[in-house]
């Protein structure tokens, strides 16, 4: 069990997708209806994959409240949370440079993402993550180190690929349903974003 996670990849993939399905997506549906982007995040126990906290983008309140940063804000407002070393950090989309830094400064040694930066740009018409990485840090897509002295990043697709062979088809089907729901939410966000107060919409 890598990184102190008490589940194999089959169990982990199921836990990560359940966190999106049951915890992040309900919040994101409300967030998108209020004019926010589709990005969300959750914290799961390493021991059993139970969700301890989930959040979604709240940029209409504050442009810094990306899903990950908003989650970290809520995490630090609570006094009953496990420490970072006991938690899995899940993001629906590969984190932007601000969120990568926030995860690092908050002391999390891992994160798992469902969609890539390229998905954000190509499927969801939100190119800012890759543009900032290129314009500010001169990094091409994939140019940052997903395993470094601070954390190890894995995609949910990678976890599914490491699952038991007889479980992979079911897990991929669940992932397809999640993708379809995000496509629907993305269309709703894009249709309603004109005139909102988010600087990089």
N, C-alpha and C. Protein backbone atom coordinates (compact mmCIF):
# COMPACT_ATOMS: atom_id res chain seq x y z
N UNK A 1 0.85 -1.18 0.00
CA UNK A 1 0.00 0.00 0.00
C UNK A 1 0.89 1.24 0.00
N UNK A 2 0.94 1.94 -1.12
CA UNK A 2 1.84 3.08 -1.25
C UNK A 2 1.35 4.28 -0.45
N UNK A 3 2.29 5.10 0.00
CA UNK A 3 1.99 6.38 0.66
C UNK A 3 1.12 6.22 1.90
N UNK A 4 1.18 5.07 2.54
CA UNK A 4 0.39 4.85 3.75
C UNK A 4 -1.09 4.64 3.49
N UNK A 5 -1.48 4.46 2.24
CA UNK A 5 -2.89 4.25 1.90
C UNK A 5 -3.24 2.79 2.14
N UNK A 6 -4.26 2.55 2.95
CA UNK A 6 -4.61 1.21 3.36
C UNK A 6 -5.57 0.51 2.43
N UNK A 7 -5.48 0.80 1.13
CA UNK A 7 -6.34 0.18 0.13
C UNK A 7 -5.51 -0.16 -1.09
N UNK A 8 -5.90 -1.22 -1.79
CA UNK A 8 -5.25 -1.47 -3.07
C UNK A 8 -5.91 -0.59 -4.13
N UNK A 9 -5.40 -0.63 -5.35
CA UNK A 9 -5.91 0.28 -6.39
C UNK A 9 -7.37 0.02 -6.74
N UNK A 10 -7.83 -1.19 -6.63
CA UNK A 10 -9.25 -1.48 -6.90
C UNK A 10 -10.13 -0.76 -5.88
N UNK A 11 -9.79 -0.91 -4.61
CA UNK A 11 -10.54 -0.23 -3.55
C UNK A 11 -10.39 1.28 -3.64
N UNK A 12 -9.18 1.73 -3.93
CA UNK A 12 -8.91 3.16 -4.00
C UNK A 12 -9.69 3.81 -5.14
N UNK A 13 -9.68 3.19 -6.32
CA UNK A 13 -10.43 3.75 -7.45
C UNK A 13 -11.90 3.88 -7.12
N UNK A 14 -12.47 2.85 -6.49
CA UNK A 14 -13.88 2.89 -6.11
C UNK A 14 -14.14 4.00 -5.10
N UNK A 15 -13.24 4.17 -4.14
CA UNK A 15 -13.42 5.21 -3.11
C UNK A 15 -13.31 6.61 -3.72
N UNK A 16 -12.36 6.81 -4.62
CA UNK A 16 -12.19 8.11 -5.25
C UNK A 16 -13.42 8.49 -6.07
N UNK A 17 -13.94 7.54 -6.84
CA UNK A 17 -15.11 7.85 -7.66
C UNK A 17 -16.36 8.03 -6.81
N UNK A 18 -16.49 7.26 -5.73
CA UNK A 18 -17.63 7.46 -4.83
C UNK A 18 -17.58 8.85 -4.20
N UNK A 19 -16.38 9.33 -3.89
CA UNK A 19 -16.25 10.68 -3.32
C UNK A 19 -16.74 11.73 -4.31
N UNK A 20 -16.42 11.54 -5.59
CA UNK A 20 -16.90 12.48 -6.61
C UNK A 20 -18.42 12.35 -6.77
N UNK A 21 -18.88 11.13 -6.93
CA UNK A 21 -20.31 10.88 -7.19
C UNK A 21 -21.20 11.36 -6.04
N UNK A 22 -20.82 11.03 -4.82
CA UNK A 22 -21.72 11.21 -3.67
C UNK A 22 -21.47 12.49 -2.88
N UNK A 23 -20.29 13.09 -3.04
CA UNK A 23 -19.95 14.25 -2.20
C UNK A 23 -19.62 15.50 -3.00
N UNK A 24 -18.76 15.37 -4.01
CA UNK A 24 -18.36 16.57 -4.75
C UNK A 24 -19.44 16.99 -5.75
N UNK A 25 -19.95 16.05 -6.53
CA UNK A 25 -20.92 16.43 -7.57
C UNK A 25 -22.18 17.12 -7.02
N UNK A 26 -22.77 16.66 -5.91
CA UNK A 26 -23.94 17.39 -5.40
C UNK A 26 -23.63 18.85 -5.08
N UNK A 27 -22.43 19.10 -4.52
CA UNK A 27 -22.02 20.48 -4.23
C UNK A 27 -21.78 21.26 -5.52
N UNK A 28 -21.18 20.59 -6.50
CA UNK A 28 -20.84 21.27 -7.76
C UNK A 28 -22.09 21.63 -8.55
N UNK A 29 -23.10 20.79 -8.51
CA UNK A 29 -24.36 21.13 -9.19
C UNK A 29 -24.91 22.45 -8.64
N UNK A 30 -24.89 22.60 -7.33
CA UNK A 30 -25.35 23.84 -6.72
C UNK A 30 -24.42 25.00 -7.06
N UNK A 31 -23.13 24.74 -7.06
CA UNK A 31 -22.16 25.79 -7.37
C UNK A 31 -22.30 26.30 -8.79
N UNK A 32 -22.45 25.40 -9.73
CA UNK A 32 -22.62 25.80 -11.13
C UNK A 32 -23.91 26.59 -11.30
N UNK A 33 -24.96 26.18 -10.61
CA UNK A 33 -26.23 26.92 -10.69
C UNK A 33 -26.07 28.34 -10.16
N UNK A 34 -25.09 28.55 -9.26
CA UNK A 34 -24.82 29.88 -8.72
C UNK A 34 -23.78 30.65 -9.54
N UNK A 35 -23.30 30.05 -10.65
CA UNK A 35 -22.36 30.74 -11.53
C UNK A 35 -20.91 30.36 -11.36
N UNK A 36 -20.62 29.33 -10.58
CA UNK A 36 -19.23 28.93 -10.34
C UNK A 36 -18.76 27.88 -11.34
N UNK A 37 -17.44 27.73 -11.43
CA UNK A 37 -16.85 26.71 -12.28
C UNK A 37 -17.10 25.32 -11.70
N UNK A 38 -16.67 24.31 -12.45
CA UNK A 38 -17.01 22.91 -12.16
C UNK A 38 -16.00 22.19 -11.27
N UNK A 39 -14.97 22.87 -10.81
CA UNK A 39 -13.89 22.19 -10.10
C UNK A 39 -14.24 21.94 -8.64
N UNK A 40 -13.91 20.75 -8.13
CA UNK A 40 -14.16 20.40 -6.74
C UNK A 40 -13.05 19.55 -6.17
N UNK A 41 -13.15 19.28 -4.87
CA UNK A 41 -12.11 18.50 -4.19
C UNK A 41 -12.70 17.86 -2.94
N UNK A 42 -11.99 16.83 -2.46
CA UNK A 42 -12.42 16.14 -1.24
C UNK A 42 -11.21 15.57 -0.52
N UNK A 43 -11.38 15.35 0.78
CA UNK A 43 -10.39 14.69 1.60
C UNK A 43 -10.96 13.35 2.06
N UNK A 44 -10.18 12.29 1.86
CA UNK A 44 -10.59 10.94 2.23
C UNK A 44 -9.57 10.37 3.21
N UNK A 45 -10.04 9.54 4.12
CA UNK A 45 -9.12 8.85 5.02
C UNK A 45 -8.27 7.85 4.24
N UNK A 46 -6.97 7.85 4.50
CA UNK A 46 -6.10 6.86 3.87
C UNK A 46 -6.45 5.45 4.30
N UNK A 47 -6.96 5.30 5.49
CA UNK A 47 -7.20 3.97 6.04
C UNK A 47 -8.31 3.22 5.31
N UNK A 48 -9.41 3.93 5.00
CA UNK A 48 -10.58 3.23 4.44
C UNK A 48 -11.29 3.98 3.31
N UNK A 49 -10.79 5.15 2.91
CA UNK A 49 -11.40 5.89 1.81
C UNK A 49 -12.64 6.68 2.18
N UNK A 50 -12.98 6.74 3.46
CA UNK A 50 -14.16 7.51 3.88
C UNK A 50 -13.92 9.00 3.67
N UNK A 51 -14.91 9.69 3.15
CA UNK A 51 -14.79 11.14 2.92
C UNK A 51 -14.98 11.88 4.24
N UNK A 52 -14.05 12.77 4.55
CA UNK A 52 -14.18 13.58 5.76
C UNK A 52 -14.60 15.00 5.44
N UNK A 53 -14.38 15.45 4.21
CA UNK A 53 -14.77 16.81 3.83
C UNK A 53 -14.74 16.92 2.31
N UNK A 54 -15.70 17.65 1.75
CA UNK A 54 -15.73 17.90 0.30
C UNK A 54 -16.14 19.36 0.09
N UNK A 55 -15.67 19.91 -1.01
CA UNK A 55 -16.03 21.28 -1.37
C UNK A 55 -16.02 21.42 -2.89
N UNK A 56 -16.48 22.58 -3.33
CA UNK A 56 -16.50 22.89 -4.76
C UNK A 56 -16.08 24.33 -4.95
N UNK A 57 -15.90 24.70 -6.19
CA UNK A 57 -15.48 26.05 -6.55
C UNK A 57 -16.49 27.08 -6.03
N UNK A 58 -15.97 28.18 -5.47
CA UNK A 58 -16.83 29.26 -4.98
C UNK A 58 -16.25 30.61 -5.38
N UNK A 59 -15.85 30.71 -6.66
CA UNK A 59 -15.20 31.93 -7.15
C UNK A 59 -16.14 33.12 -7.22
N UNK A 60 -17.44 32.91 -7.19
CA UNK A 60 -18.34 34.06 -7.19
C UNK A 60 -18.27 34.80 -5.87
N UNK A 61 -17.83 34.12 -4.82
CA UNK A 61 -17.59 34.80 -3.54
C UNK A 61 -16.20 35.41 -3.48
N UNK A 62 -15.21 34.66 -3.97
CA UNK A 62 -13.81 35.10 -3.92
C UNK A 62 -13.08 34.37 -5.04
N UNK A 63 -12.39 35.08 -5.93
CA UNK A 63 -11.74 34.40 -7.06
C UNK A 63 -10.64 33.43 -6.66
N UNK A 64 -10.22 33.47 -5.40
CA UNK A 64 -9.24 32.50 -4.92
C UNK A 64 -9.86 31.18 -4.48
N UNK A 65 -11.19 31.14 -4.36
CA UNK A 65 -11.83 29.93 -3.85
C UNK A 65 -12.03 28.89 -4.94
N UNK A 66 -10.92 28.48 -5.54
CA UNK A 66 -10.95 27.29 -6.39
C UNK A 66 -11.37 26.11 -5.52
N UNK A 67 -11.78 25.01 -6.13
CA UNK A 67 -12.26 23.89 -5.35
C UNK A 67 -11.28 23.44 -4.29
N UNK A 68 -10.00 23.33 -4.66
CA UNK A 68 -8.98 22.86 -3.72
C UNK A 68 -8.74 23.86 -2.59
N UNK A 69 -8.62 25.14 -2.95
CA UNK A 69 -8.34 26.16 -1.93
C UNK A 69 -9.55 26.35 -1.02
N UNK A 70 -10.75 26.28 -1.60
CA UNK A 70 -11.96 26.38 -0.79
C UNK A 70 -12.04 25.21 0.19
N UNK A 71 -11.65 24.02 -0.26
CA UNK A 71 -11.60 22.86 0.62
C UNK A 71 -10.61 23.09 1.76
N UNK A 72 -9.42 23.59 1.43
CA UNK A 72 -8.41 23.84 2.46
C UNK A 72 -8.88 24.90 3.45
N UNK A 73 -9.58 25.91 2.97
CA UNK A 73 -10.15 26.92 3.87
C UNK A 73 -11.09 26.26 4.87
N UNK A 74 -12.02 25.46 4.37
CA UNK A 74 -12.98 24.78 5.25
C UNK A 74 -12.27 23.80 6.20
N UNK A 75 -11.27 23.11 5.69
CA UNK A 75 -10.50 22.16 6.50
C UNK A 75 -9.89 22.86 7.71
N UNK A 76 -9.31 24.03 7.49
CA UNK A 76 -8.64 24.75 8.58
C UNK A 76 -9.61 25.53 9.46
N UNK A 77 -10.84 25.66 9.06
CA UNK A 77 -11.86 26.24 9.92
C UNK A 77 -12.40 25.23 10.93
N UNK A 78 -12.16 23.96 10.67
CA UNK A 78 -12.65 22.88 11.53
C UNK A 78 -11.56 22.47 12.51
N UNK A 79 -11.97 21.96 13.66
CA UNK A 79 -11.00 21.50 14.66
C UNK A 79 -11.05 19.97 14.82
N UNK A 80 -11.92 19.32 14.07
CA UNK A 80 -12.10 17.88 14.23
C UNK A 80 -11.53 17.08 13.07
N UNK A 81 -10.66 17.69 12.27
CA UNK A 81 -10.15 17.04 11.08
C UNK A 81 -8.89 16.23 11.38
N UNK A 82 -8.73 15.07 10.73
CA UNK A 82 -7.46 14.33 10.84
C UNK A 82 -6.33 15.16 10.25
N UNK A 83 -5.08 14.87 10.63
CA UNK A 83 -3.95 15.61 10.06
C UNK A 83 -3.73 15.24 8.59
N UNK A 84 -3.06 16.11 7.83
CA UNK A 84 -2.84 15.85 6.40
C UNK A 84 -2.20 14.50 6.11
N UNK A 85 -1.30 14.06 6.97
CA UNK A 85 -0.61 12.80 6.68
C UNK A 85 -1.53 11.59 6.72
N UNK A 86 -2.73 11.75 7.28
CA UNK A 86 -3.69 10.66 7.33
C UNK A 86 -4.73 10.73 6.21
N UNK A 87 -4.57 11.69 5.30
CA UNK A 87 -5.62 11.96 4.33
C UNK A 87 -5.15 11.86 2.88
N UNK A 88 -6.08 11.50 2.03
CA UNK A 88 -5.93 11.55 0.57
C UNK A 88 -6.56 12.84 0.09
N UNK A 89 -5.85 13.55 -0.77
CA UNK A 89 -6.37 14.79 -1.35
C UNK A 89 -6.82 14.48 -2.78
N UNK A 90 -8.12 14.58 -3.02
CA UNK A 90 -8.71 14.29 -4.33
C UNK A 90 -9.16 15.59 -4.98
N UNK A 91 -8.78 15.78 -6.24
CA UNK A 91 -9.27 16.92 -7.02
C UNK A 91 -9.99 16.40 -8.26
N UNK A 92 -11.08 17.06 -8.63
CA UNK A 92 -11.76 16.61 -9.84
C UNK A 92 -10.93 16.91 -11.08
N UNK A 93 -10.16 17.99 -11.04
CA UNK A 93 -9.34 18.40 -12.17
C UNK A 93 -7.92 18.65 -11.69
N UNK A 94 -6.96 18.35 -12.54
CA UNK A 94 -5.56 18.57 -12.20
C UNK A 94 -5.39 20.00 -11.70
N UNK A 95 -4.77 20.20 -10.55
CA UNK A 95 -4.77 21.53 -9.92
C UNK A 95 -4.00 22.58 -10.72
N UNK A 96 -4.50 23.79 -10.65
CA UNK A 96 -3.81 24.93 -11.24
C UNK A 96 -2.57 25.25 -10.41
N UNK A 97 -1.71 26.16 -10.87
CA UNK A 97 -0.50 26.48 -10.10
C UNK A 97 -0.79 26.97 -8.68
N UNK A 98 -1.83 27.78 -8.50
CA UNK A 98 -2.18 28.24 -7.15
C UNK A 98 -2.55 27.07 -6.27
N UNK A 99 -3.36 26.16 -6.79
CA UNK A 99 -3.82 25.03 -5.98
C UNK A 99 -2.69 24.03 -5.72
N UNK A 100 -1.80 23.84 -6.70
CA UNK A 100 -0.62 23.01 -6.44
C UNK A 100 0.17 23.55 -5.27
N UNK A 101 0.36 24.87 -5.24
CA UNK A 101 1.09 25.49 -4.14
C UNK A 101 0.33 25.37 -2.83
N UNK A 102 -0.98 25.57 -2.87
CA UNK A 102 -1.78 25.49 -1.65
C UNK A 102 -1.72 24.09 -1.05
N UNK A 103 -1.83 23.07 -1.89
CA UNK A 103 -1.73 21.69 -1.41
C UNK A 103 -0.37 21.47 -0.75
N UNK A 104 0.67 22.01 -1.36
CA UNK A 104 2.03 21.88 -0.82
C UNK A 104 2.16 22.57 0.52
N UNK A 105 1.77 23.84 0.58
CA UNK A 105 1.90 24.62 1.82
C UNK A 105 1.02 24.04 2.93
N UNK A 106 -0.08 23.40 2.59
CA UNK A 106 -0.96 22.83 3.60
C UNK A 106 -0.43 21.49 4.14
N UNK A 107 0.62 20.95 3.55
CA UNK A 107 1.27 19.77 4.10
C UNK A 107 0.75 18.43 3.63
N UNK A 108 0.03 18.42 2.50
CA UNK A 108 -0.47 17.15 1.98
C UNK A 108 0.60 16.50 1.11
N UNK A 109 0.82 15.21 1.33
CA UNK A 109 1.87 14.50 0.61
C UNK A 109 1.39 13.80 -0.63
N UNK A 110 0.15 14.06 -1.05
CA UNK A 110 -0.39 13.39 -2.23
C UNK A 110 -1.53 14.21 -2.80
N UNK A 111 -1.82 13.98 -4.05
CA UNK A 111 -3.15 14.31 -4.58
C UNK A 111 -3.46 13.40 -5.75
N UNK A 112 -4.76 13.21 -5.97
CA UNK A 112 -5.28 12.39 -7.05
C UNK A 112 -6.21 13.26 -7.87
N UNK A 113 -6.08 13.24 -9.19
CA UNK A 113 -6.94 14.06 -10.05
C UNK A 113 -7.70 13.18 -11.04
N UNK A 114 -8.92 13.60 -11.35
CA UNK A 114 -9.77 12.84 -12.28
C UNK A 114 -9.55 13.32 -13.72
N UNK A 115 -9.63 14.62 -13.95
CA UNK A 115 -9.40 15.20 -15.27
C UNK A 115 -8.03 15.85 -15.32
N UNK A 116 -7.45 15.93 -16.52
CA UNK A 116 -6.14 16.54 -16.71
C UNK A 116 -6.26 18.02 -17.05
N UNK A 117 -5.12 18.71 -17.03
CA UNK A 117 -5.09 20.10 -17.51
C UNK A 117 -5.59 20.20 -18.94
N UNK A 118 -5.20 19.23 -19.77
CA UNK A 118 -5.65 19.24 -21.16
C UNK A 118 -7.16 19.07 -21.26
N UNK A 119 -7.73 18.25 -20.38
CA UNK A 119 -9.20 18.14 -20.33
C UNK A 119 -9.82 19.48 -19.99
N UNK A 120 -9.26 20.18 -19.02
CA UNK A 120 -9.81 21.49 -18.64
C UNK A 120 -9.81 22.43 -19.83
N UNK A 121 -8.72 22.41 -20.60
CA UNK A 121 -8.61 23.28 -21.77
C UNK A 121 -9.51 22.81 -22.91
N UNK A 122 -9.44 21.54 -23.25
CA UNK A 122 -10.05 21.06 -24.48
C UNK A 122 -11.52 20.65 -24.31
N UNK A 123 -11.85 20.04 -23.19
CA UNK A 123 -13.23 19.57 -22.99
C UNK A 123 -14.09 20.59 -22.27
N UNK A 124 -13.48 21.43 -21.44
CA UNK A 124 -14.26 22.33 -20.60
C UNK A 124 -14.02 23.82 -20.91
N UNK A 125 -13.21 24.12 -21.94
CA UNK A 125 -12.98 25.49 -22.40
C UNK A 125 -12.46 26.40 -21.30
N UNK A 126 -11.61 25.84 -20.43
CA UNK A 126 -10.98 26.63 -19.37
C UNK A 126 -9.47 26.39 -19.49
N UNK A 127 -8.78 27.23 -20.30
CA UNK A 127 -7.38 27.00 -20.61
C UNK A 127 -6.38 27.64 -19.65
N UNK A 128 -6.87 28.30 -18.60
CA UNK A 128 -6.00 29.17 -17.80
C UNK A 128 -4.89 28.41 -17.08
N UNK A 129 -5.16 27.18 -16.62
CA UNK A 129 -4.12 26.43 -15.90
C UNK A 129 -2.88 26.26 -16.78
N UNK A 130 -3.09 25.77 -17.98
CA UNK A 130 -1.96 25.55 -18.88
C UNK A 130 -1.33 26.86 -19.33
N UNK A 131 -2.15 27.89 -19.53
CA UNK A 131 -1.61 29.18 -19.94
C UNK A 131 -0.73 29.79 -18.85
N UNK A 132 -1.16 29.68 -17.58
CA UNK A 132 -0.35 30.21 -16.48
C UNK A 132 0.95 29.42 -16.34
N UNK A 133 0.86 28.10 -16.43
CA UNK A 133 2.07 27.29 -16.36
C UNK A 133 3.06 27.70 -17.45
N UNK A 134 2.55 27.99 -18.65
CA UNK A 134 3.42 28.37 -19.76
C UNK A 134 3.91 29.80 -19.63
N UNK A 135 3.00 30.75 -19.39
CA UNK A 135 3.36 32.16 -19.39
C UNK A 135 4.19 32.56 -18.17
N UNK A 136 3.87 32.01 -17.02
CA UNK A 136 4.56 32.41 -15.79
C UNK A 136 5.77 31.53 -15.51
N UNK A 137 5.60 30.22 -15.70
CA UNK A 137 6.66 29.29 -15.31
C UNK A 137 7.38 28.66 -16.49
N UNK A 138 7.00 29.02 -17.72
CA UNK A 138 7.58 28.50 -18.96
C UNK A 138 7.55 26.96 -19.01
N UNK A 139 6.49 26.38 -18.47
CA UNK A 139 6.34 24.92 -18.47
C UNK A 139 5.32 24.49 -19.50
N UNK A 140 5.69 23.52 -20.32
CA UNK A 140 4.75 22.91 -21.25
C UNK A 140 3.85 21.96 -20.49
N UNK A 141 2.75 21.52 -21.10
CA UNK A 141 1.90 20.52 -20.43
C UNK A 141 2.72 19.34 -19.92
N UNK A 142 2.45 18.96 -18.68
CA UNK A 142 3.20 17.86 -18.08
C UNK A 142 4.58 18.25 -17.61
N UNK A 143 4.89 19.54 -17.63
CA UNK A 143 6.25 19.98 -17.32
C UNK A 143 6.60 20.03 -15.84
N UNK A 144 5.61 19.98 -14.98
CA UNK A 144 5.95 19.95 -13.55
C UNK A 144 6.10 18.50 -13.11
N UNK A 145 6.78 18.30 -12.02
CA UNK A 145 7.09 16.95 -11.54
C UNK A 145 5.95 16.44 -10.67
N UNK A 146 5.30 15.38 -11.11
CA UNK A 146 4.17 14.82 -10.37
C UNK A 146 4.63 13.95 -9.19
N UNK A 147 5.90 13.71 -9.08
CA UNK A 147 6.47 13.11 -7.89
C UNK A 147 7.69 13.92 -7.52
N UNK A 148 7.69 14.47 -6.31
CA UNK A 148 8.76 15.39 -5.90
C UNK A 148 8.94 15.29 -4.39
N UNK A 149 9.73 16.17 -3.82
CA UNK A 149 10.03 16.11 -2.39
C UNK A 149 8.81 16.40 -1.52
N UNK A 150 7.76 17.00 -2.09
CA UNK A 150 6.59 17.40 -1.31
C UNK A 150 5.43 16.43 -1.42
N UNK A 151 5.15 15.93 -2.64
CA UNK A 151 3.99 15.08 -2.82
C UNK A 151 4.15 14.20 -4.06
N UNK A 152 3.27 13.21 -4.10
CA UNK A 152 3.16 12.33 -5.26
C UNK A 152 1.75 12.48 -5.81
N UNK A 153 1.63 12.73 -7.10
CA UNK A 153 0.32 12.87 -7.75
C UNK A 153 0.05 11.66 -8.63
N UNK A 154 -1.20 11.22 -8.61
CA UNK A 154 -1.64 10.15 -9.50
C UNK A 154 -2.99 10.53 -10.07
N UNK A 155 -3.24 10.10 -11.29
CA UNK A 155 -4.57 10.31 -11.88
C UNK A 155 -5.47 9.15 -11.49
N UNK A 156 -6.77 9.42 -11.48
CA UNK A 156 -7.73 8.34 -11.22
C UNK A 156 -7.62 7.29 -12.32
N UNK A 157 -7.36 7.73 -13.55
CA UNK A 157 -7.18 6.77 -14.66
C UNK A 157 -6.02 5.82 -14.38
N UNK A 158 -4.95 6.33 -13.80
CA UNK A 158 -3.80 5.50 -13.45
C UNK A 158 -4.18 4.49 -12.37
N UNK A 159 -4.97 4.94 -11.40
CA UNK A 159 -5.41 4.03 -10.33
C UNK A 159 -6.29 2.93 -10.91
N UNK A 160 -7.22 3.31 -11.81
CA UNK A 160 -8.08 2.30 -12.45
C UNK A 160 -7.23 1.29 -13.22
N UNK A 161 -6.19 1.78 -13.90
CA UNK A 161 -5.33 0.87 -14.67
C UNK A 161 -4.59 -0.10 -13.76
N UNK A 162 -4.40 0.27 -12.49
CA UNK A 162 -3.74 -0.60 -11.54
C UNK A 162 -4.69 -1.52 -10.78
N UNK A 163 -5.98 -1.38 -11.04
CA UNK A 163 -6.99 -2.19 -10.35
C UNK A 163 -6.98 -3.62 -10.89
N UNK A 164 -7.64 -4.52 -10.16
CA UNK A 164 -7.78 -5.90 -10.62
C UNK A 164 -8.42 -5.92 -12.00
N UNK A 165 -7.94 -6.80 -12.85
CA UNK A 165 -8.41 -6.84 -14.23
C UNK A 165 -9.91 -7.03 -14.33
N UNK A 166 -10.48 -7.86 -13.45
CA UNK A 166 -11.91 -8.12 -13.53
C UNK A 166 -12.76 -6.97 -13.02
N UNK A 167 -12.14 -5.98 -12.37
CA UNK A 167 -12.87 -4.81 -11.86
C UNK A 167 -12.77 -3.61 -12.79
N UNK A 168 -11.82 -3.64 -13.71
CA UNK A 168 -11.54 -2.44 -14.50
C UNK A 168 -12.70 -2.00 -15.38
N UNK A 169 -13.43 -2.92 -15.97
CA UNK A 169 -14.53 -2.53 -16.86
C UNK A 169 -15.60 -1.77 -16.09
N UNK A 170 -15.95 -2.25 -14.91
CA UNK A 170 -16.96 -1.58 -14.09
C UNK A 170 -16.46 -0.20 -13.66
N UNK A 171 -15.19 -0.13 -13.27
CA UNK A 171 -14.62 1.16 -12.85
C UNK A 171 -14.59 2.15 -14.02
N UNK A 172 -14.23 1.67 -15.21
CA UNK A 172 -14.22 2.56 -16.38
C UNK A 172 -15.62 3.04 -16.72
N UNK A 173 -16.61 2.17 -16.57
CA UNK A 173 -18.00 2.58 -16.81
C UNK A 173 -18.42 3.68 -15.84
N UNK A 174 -18.05 3.54 -14.58
CA UNK A 174 -18.36 4.58 -13.60
C UNK A 174 -17.67 5.89 -13.97
N UNK A 175 -16.43 5.79 -14.41
CA UNK A 175 -15.69 6.99 -14.82
C UNK A 175 -16.37 7.67 -16.00
N UNK A 176 -16.89 6.89 -16.93
CA UNK A 176 -17.59 7.47 -18.08
C UNK A 176 -18.85 8.22 -17.65
N UNK A 177 -19.57 7.69 -16.67
CA UNK A 177 -20.76 8.38 -16.16
C UNK A 177 -20.37 9.69 -15.50
N UNK A 178 -19.28 9.69 -14.75
CA UNK A 178 -18.79 10.93 -14.13
C UNK A 178 -18.42 11.94 -15.21
N UNK A 179 -17.71 11.50 -16.24
CA UNK A 179 -17.33 12.42 -17.33
C UNK A 179 -18.56 13.03 -17.99
N UNK A 180 -19.58 12.23 -18.22
CA UNK A 180 -20.80 12.72 -18.86
C UNK A 180 -21.48 13.78 -17.99
N UNK A 181 -21.48 13.58 -16.69
CA UNK A 181 -22.08 14.56 -15.80
C UNK A 181 -21.29 15.87 -15.80
N UNK A 182 -19.97 15.78 -15.83
CA UNK A 182 -19.16 17.00 -15.90
C UNK A 182 -19.32 17.70 -17.25
N UNK A 183 -19.51 16.94 -18.32
CA UNK A 183 -19.80 17.57 -19.62
C UNK A 183 -21.09 18.40 -19.53
N UNK A 184 -22.11 17.84 -18.88
CA UNK A 184 -23.37 18.55 -18.73
C UNK A 184 -23.19 19.81 -17.88
N UNK A 185 -22.48 19.68 -16.77
CA UNK A 185 -22.26 20.84 -15.89
C UNK A 185 -21.39 21.89 -16.57
N UNK A 186 -20.42 21.46 -17.35
CA UNK A 186 -19.57 22.41 -18.06
C UNK A 186 -20.39 23.22 -19.06
N UNK A 187 -21.29 22.55 -19.78
CA UNK A 187 -22.15 23.26 -20.73
C UNK A 187 -23.01 24.28 -20.01
N UNK A 188 -23.52 23.93 -18.84
CA UNK A 188 -24.34 24.87 -18.08
C UNK A 188 -23.50 26.05 -17.61
N UNK A 189 -22.28 25.80 -17.16
CA UNK A 189 -21.40 26.89 -16.73
C UNK A 189 -21.08 27.82 -17.90
N UNK A 190 -20.68 27.25 -19.03
CA UNK A 190 -20.30 28.06 -20.18
C UNK A 190 -21.47 28.90 -20.66
N UNK A 191 -22.66 28.34 -20.62
CA UNK A 191 -23.84 29.07 -21.07
C UNK A 191 -24.16 30.25 -20.16
N UNK A 192 -23.85 30.11 -18.86
CA UNK A 192 -24.24 31.15 -17.92
C UNK A 192 -23.12 32.05 -17.43
N UNK A 193 -21.90 31.91 -17.96
CA UNK A 193 -20.78 32.62 -17.37
C UNK A 193 -20.67 34.08 -17.77
N UNK A 194 -21.29 34.49 -18.88
CA UNK A 194 -21.18 35.88 -19.34
C UNK A 194 -21.71 36.82 -18.26
N UNK A 195 -20.89 37.81 -17.93
CA UNK A 195 -21.31 38.81 -16.97
C UNK A 195 -21.04 38.45 -15.53
N UNK A 196 -20.50 37.22 -15.26
CA UNK A 196 -20.19 36.92 -13.86
C UNK A 196 -18.93 37.66 -13.43
N UNK A 197 -18.64 37.66 -12.15
CA UNK A 197 -17.56 38.47 -11.60
C UNK A 197 -16.24 37.71 -11.50
N UNK A 198 -16.15 36.51 -12.07
CA UNK A 198 -14.92 35.73 -12.00
C UNK A 198 -13.92 36.29 -13.00
N UNK A 199 -12.73 36.73 -12.55
CA UNK A 199 -11.77 37.37 -13.48
C UNK A 199 -11.37 36.49 -14.65
N UNK A 200 -11.00 35.23 -14.40
CA UNK A 200 -10.60 34.31 -15.47
C UNK A 200 -11.68 33.27 -15.63
N UNK A 201 -12.76 33.65 -16.32
CA UNK A 201 -13.88 32.72 -16.44
C UNK A 201 -13.77 31.87 -17.69
